[in-house]
Amino acid sequence: MKQFKRIQDKNGQFRYYIDGKRVTTKKGASQYVKQNFSQLNKANLSPQEARSFQAKVNAQKGAEAAKIRTSQAYRFKGKFLDKAISRFLQQLSPTQKNMSKRYPDVKDYGQLLKELQKDLQKNLDLFELQDASQFGLPNEKRARTEIESTADIIDLLKNDYPGYDLIVITTDGDTITDYKKGIAYIAQWERDQISLQNEQTENLAYLKITYRPSIDIVNKTLTIDLEDPERTSLDAMGS
């Protein structure tokens, strides 16, 4: 084992030696903190030692935080599951994080995704986007006349599902797979709904549009279907 010495000179400066050879202040301070960390009081350290001490404290805190995050992360055979899948599992399996235990017969990741997709189809209500877009608000905000930004809504959804492709089914049954075109179509559709409801509802004060997207975690797609009234609905209210 290498011999380490810390010597304070008459000017109060510390010098460090390893096997009799002087080393830099930075290296010596780091070695001193490393060997004596549990016994040190930061108030009694030199400036360089204090920096090394704080760096080690921060590293330990980071390691502990990482350990906690790891224990809370959804995983399968040592692989952490992506954010979108984890979001679903927070609803479906809030306590069991290890999917190897939840699905003991599943042998590989591809099979796991298929099993999760089955569970997803049985629990689509977990993904209902309530109040996704609103025209007007009740009570004190009823005078409001603008709609929520469709782009902001979908962007937020995409942030929850990184790497997923957006699919929009139009009112005519056509399929839009281009993200920007899909956003533009939904935005125009919402404006059309507001105009239509203004004509049909006397003194329209409130219009809520609720989306119930279909999520495919195997093919990593998120579909908003404007043709299916079960997947998209409106709630209008006059004053």
Protein backbone atom coordinates (compact mmCIF):
# COMPACT_ATOMS: atom_id res chain seq x y z
CA MET A 1 0.00 0.00 0.00
CA LYS A 2 1.30 3.46 -0.88
CA GLN A 3 2.24 5.70 2.01
CA PHE A 4 0.45 9.02 2.10
CA LYS A 5 1.52 12.03 4.15
CA ARG A 6 -0.06 15.41 4.69
CA ILE A 7 2.24 18.05 6.16
CA GLN A 8 1.43 21.62 7.12
CA ASP A 9 4.28 24.07 6.68
CA LYS A 10 5.04 27.14 8.81
CA ASN A 11 2.86 29.28 6.54
CA GLY A 12 -0.14 27.07 7.18
CA GLN A 13 -0.08 25.53 3.70
CA PHE A 14 -0.50 21.80 3.22
CA ARG A 15 1.88 19.67 1.21
CA TYR A 16 1.15 16.11 0.20
CA TYR A 17 3.47 13.16 -0.38
CA ILE A 18 2.87 9.68 -1.76
CA ASP A 19 5.70 7.22 -1.10
CA GLY A 20 7.94 10.14 -0.23
CA LYS A 21 7.29 11.98 -3.48
CA ARG A 22 5.48 15.29 -3.39
CA VAL A 23 2.28 15.47 -5.45
CA THR A 24 0.14 18.40 -6.59
CA THR A 25 -2.16 20.12 -4.12
CA LYS A 26 -5.21 19.00 -6.08
CA LYS A 27 -4.16 15.35 -6.18
CA GLY A 28 -3.00 15.36 -2.57
CA ALA A 29 -6.18 17.00 -1.27
CA SER A 30 -8.27 14.50 -3.20
CA GLN A 31 -6.31 11.58 -1.79
CA TYR A 32 -6.53 12.95 1.74
CA VAL A 33 -10.31 13.33 1.50
CA LYS A 34 -10.68 9.89 -0.05
CA GLN A 35 -8.75 8.18 2.77
CA ASN A 36 -10.33 10.09 5.65
CA PHE A 37 -13.75 11.12 4.35
CA SER A 38 -15.87 9.66 7.17
CA GLN A 39 -13.76 11.38 9.83
CA LEU A 40 -13.46 14.84 8.29
CA ASN A 41 -15.07 18.10 9.28
CA LYS A 42 -15.34 20.42 6.30
CA ALA A 43 -14.73 23.45 8.51
CA ASN A 44 -11.21 22.22 9.30
CA LEU A 45 -10.11 21.59 5.72
CA SER A 46 -8.03 23.65 3.35
CA PRO A 47 -9.87 25.31 0.44
CA GLN A 48 -8.77 22.58 -1.99
CA GLU A 49 -9.64 19.83 0.48
CA ALA A 50 -13.03 21.43 1.07
CA ARG A 51 -13.70 21.38 -2.67
CA SER A 52 -12.72 17.71 -2.87
CA PHE A 53 -14.84 16.97 0.18
CA GLN A 54 -17.92 18.70 -1.31
CA ALA A 55 -17.41 16.93 -4.64
CA LYS A 56 -17.45 13.58 -2.84
CA VAL A 57 -20.57 14.58 -0.88
CA ASN A 58 -22.30 15.55 -4.11
CA ALA A 59 -21.22 12.31 -5.76
CA GLN A 60 -22.66 10.28 -2.89
CA LYS A 61 -25.93 12.21 -3.06
CA GLY A 62 -26.07 11.65 -6.81
CA ALA A 63 -25.40 7.95 -6.40
CA GLU A 64 -28.14 7.68 -3.78
CA ALA A 65 -30.59 9.58 -5.99
CA ALA A 66 -29.69 7.31 -8.92
CA LYS A 67 -30.26 4.27 -6.72
CA ILE A 68 -33.70 5.57 -5.77
CA ARG A 69 -34.56 6.32 -9.41
CA THR A 70 -33.41 2.86 -10.39
CA SER A 71 -35.57 1.26 -7.71
CA GLN A 72 -38.58 3.26 -8.93
CA ALA A 73 -37.99 2.66 -12.65
CA TYR A 74 -39.94 0.09 -14.62
CA ARG A 75 -37.63 -2.57 -15.98
CA PHE A 76 -37.54 -5.95 -17.68
CA LYS A 77 -34.55 -8.28 -17.41
CA GLY A 78 -32.27 -5.39 -16.50
CA LYS A 79 -33.55 -3.11 -19.29
CA PHE A 80 -35.29 0.11 -18.31
CA LEU A 81 -38.59 0.61 -20.14
CA ASP A 82 -39.16 3.82 -22.10
CA LYS A 83 -41.06 6.82 -20.80
CA ALA A 84 -44.29 6.07 -22.64
CA ILE A 85 -44.52 2.50 -21.38
CA SER A 86 -43.61 3.62 -17.87
CA ARG A 87 -46.39 6.20 -17.94
CA PHE A 88 -48.90 3.48 -18.73
CA LEU A 89 -47.48 1.15 -16.07
CA GLN A 90 -47.71 3.87 -13.41
CA GLN A 91 -51.46 3.47 -13.78
CA LEU A 92 -51.58 -0.27 -14.38
CA SER A 93 -48.91 -1.45 -11.94
CA PRO A 94 -48.04 1.32 -9.45
CA THR A 95 -46.15 -0.92 -7.03
CA GLN A 96 -44.56 -3.72 -9.06
CA LYS A 97 -41.72 -2.20 -11.09
CA ASN A 98 -40.09 -5.42 -12.28
CA MET A 99 -42.00 -6.65 -15.30
CA SER A 100 -40.19 -9.99 -15.17
CA LYS A 101 -42.26 -10.70 -12.07
CA ARG A 102 -45.51 -9.32 -13.46
CA TYR A 103 -45.10 -11.34 -16.66
CA PRO A 104 -43.06 -14.39 -15.54
CA ASP A 105 -43.77 -16.37 -18.74
CA VAL A 106 -42.49 -13.65 -21.06
CA LYS A 107 -39.05 -14.48 -22.40
CA ASP A 108 -37.98 -11.44 -24.44
CA TYR A 109 -38.64 -7.73 -24.85
CA GLY A 110 -40.68 -8.11 -28.04
CA GLN A 111 -43.05 -10.52 -26.35
CA LEU A 112 -43.30 -8.17 -23.37
CA LEU A 113 -44.45 -5.32 -25.63
CA LYS A 114 -47.17 -7.52 -27.07
CA GLU A 115 -48.39 -8.47 -23.58
CA LEU A 116 -48.37 -4.84 -22.53
CA GLN A 117 -50.33 -3.93 -25.65
CA LYS A 118 -53.02 -6.44 -24.65
CA ASP A 119 -53.25 -4.85 -21.22
CA LEU A 120 -53.29 -1.43 -22.85
CA GLN A 121 -56.33 -2.28 -24.95
CA LYS A 122 -58.14 -3.41 -21.81
CA ASN A 123 -57.31 -0.14 -20.01
CA LEU A 124 -57.70 2.57 -22.63
CA ASP A 125 -59.59 4.76 -20.16
CA LEU A 126 -56.25 5.41 -18.46
CA PHE A 127 -55.27 7.42 -21.52
CA GLU A 128 -58.35 9.57 -21.93
CA LEU A 129 -57.36 13.18 -22.53
CA GLN A 130 -60.00 15.09 -20.66
CA ASP A 131 -60.37 18.79 -21.46
CA ALA A 132 -57.82 18.49 -24.24
CA SER A 133 -59.20 21.59 -25.96
CA GLN A 134 -61.69 24.08 -24.63
CA PHE A 135 -63.54 27.03 -26.04
CA GLY A 136 -64.66 29.27 -23.24
CA LEU A 137 -64.63 28.38 -19.57
CA PRO A 138 -67.41 28.34 -16.98
CA ASN A 139 -68.03 30.97 -14.30
CA GLU A 140 -65.52 33.81 -14.04
CA LYS A 141 -63.67 32.76 -17.23
CA ARG A 142 -66.72 32.39 -19.39
CA ALA A 143 -65.86 35.48 -21.44
CA ARG A 144 -62.83 33.72 -22.85
CA THR A 145 -63.14 33.13 -26.60
CA GLU A 146 -59.88 31.54 -27.71
CA ILE A 147 -59.18 27.81 -27.94
CA GLU A 148 -56.25 25.94 -26.44
CA SER A 149 -53.41 25.49 -28.94
CA THR A 150 -53.72 22.14 -30.64
CA ALA A 151 -50.01 22.20 -31.38
CA ASP A 152 -49.26 22.64 -27.67
CA ILE A 153 -51.58 19.79 -26.79
CA ILE A 154 -50.02 17.37 -29.24
CA ASP A 155 -46.51 18.52 -28.42
CA LEU A 156 -47.16 17.77 -24.77
CA LEU A 157 -48.48 14.35 -25.73
CA LYS A 158 -45.48 13.70 -27.91
CA ASN A 159 -43.18 14.63 -25.02
CA ASP A 160 -44.83 11.87 -23.00
CA TYR A 161 -44.29 9.47 -25.90
CA PRO A 162 -40.86 10.23 -27.37
CA GLY A 163 -40.22 8.31 -30.56
CA TYR A 164 -43.90 7.62 -31.19
CA ASP A 165 -45.49 8.54 -34.52
CA LEU A 166 -48.73 10.54 -34.61
CA ILE A 167 -51.56 9.21 -36.78
CA VAL A 168 -54.71 11.24 -37.40
CA ILE A 169 -57.88 9.68 -38.81
CA THR A 170 -59.89 12.43 -40.52
CA THR A 171 -63.65 12.83 -40.45
CA ASP A 172 -63.70 11.30 -43.94
CA GLY A 173 -61.77 8.25 -42.78
CA ASP A 174 -58.50 9.25 -44.40
CA THR A 175 -55.22 8.67 -42.58
CA ILE A 176 -52.63 11.39 -41.99
CA THR A 177 -49.21 10.18 -40.87
CA ASP A 178 -47.29 13.43 -41.36
CA TYR A 179 -46.97 15.10 -37.94
CA LYS A 180 -47.30 18.72 -39.06
CA LYS A 181 -50.19 17.96 -41.41
CA GLY A 182 -51.93 16.03 -38.64
CA ILE A 183 -51.58 18.96 -36.24
CA ALA A 184 -52.86 21.38 -38.86
CA TYR A 185 -55.87 19.17 -39.63
CA ILE A 186 -56.88 18.87 -35.95
CA ALA A 187 -56.51 22.62 -35.44
CA GLN A 188 -58.75 23.37 -38.42
CA TRP A 189 -61.23 20.72 -37.34
CA GLU A 190 -61.51 22.34 -33.92
CA ARG A 191 -62.11 25.75 -35.48
CA ASP A 192 -64.83 24.22 -37.64
CA GLN A 193 -66.45 22.65 -34.57
CA ILE A 194 -66.50 26.00 -32.79
CA SER A 195 -68.14 27.66 -35.78
CA LEU A 196 -70.67 24.86 -36.09
CA GLN A 197 -71.53 24.90 -32.39
CA ASN A 198 -71.89 28.67 -32.48
CA GLU A 199 -74.56 28.20 -35.12
CA GLN A 200 -76.32 25.35 -33.32
CA THR A 201 -76.04 26.49 -29.70
CA GLU A 202 -77.59 29.75 -28.58
CA ASN A 203 -75.02 31.97 -26.85
CA LEU A 204 -72.29 29.32 -26.87
CA ALA A 205 -70.28 29.77 -23.69
CA TYR A 206 -68.38 26.52 -23.38
CA LEU A 207 -67.16 23.81 -25.71
CA LYS A 208 -65.02 20.92 -24.57
CA ILE A 209 -63.37 18.46 -26.92
CA THR A 210 -62.23 15.17 -25.43
CA TYR A 211 -59.75 12.93 -27.23
CA ARG A 212 -59.33 9.25 -26.46
CA PRO A 213 -56.21 8.26 -28.40
CA SER A 214 -55.30 4.74 -29.38
CA ILE A 215 -51.76 3.87 -28.35
CA ASP A 216 -49.75 1.07 -29.91
CA ILE A 217 -46.63 0.43 -27.83
CA VAL A 218 -45.45 -2.33 -30.17
CA ASN A 219 -45.33 -0.17 -33.30
CA LYS A 220 -44.91 3.05 -31.26
CA THR A 221 -47.85 4.96 -32.71
CA LEU A 222 -50.46 7.24 -31.18
CA THR A 223 -53.71 7.61 -33.13
CA ILE A 224 -56.34 10.32 -32.79
CA ASP A 225 -59.52 9.29 -34.59
CA LEU A 226 -61.84 12.17 -35.45
CA GLU A 227 -64.20 9.90 -37.38
CA ASP A 228 -65.12 7.70 -34.41
CA PRO A 229 -67.45 9.43 -31.89
CA GLU A 230 -66.25 6.95 -29.25
CA ARG A 231 -62.69 8.26 -29.67
CA THR A 232 -63.46 11.99 -29.95
CA SER A 233 -66.41 13.78 -28.36
CA LEU A 234 -67.72 17.31 -27.88
CA ASP A 235 -69.60 18.89 -25.01
CA ALA A 236 -71.21 22.28 -25.71
CA MET A 237 -72.99 24.56 -23.27
CA GLY A 238 -74.87 27.81 -23.78
CA SER A 239 -75.03 30.65 -21.32
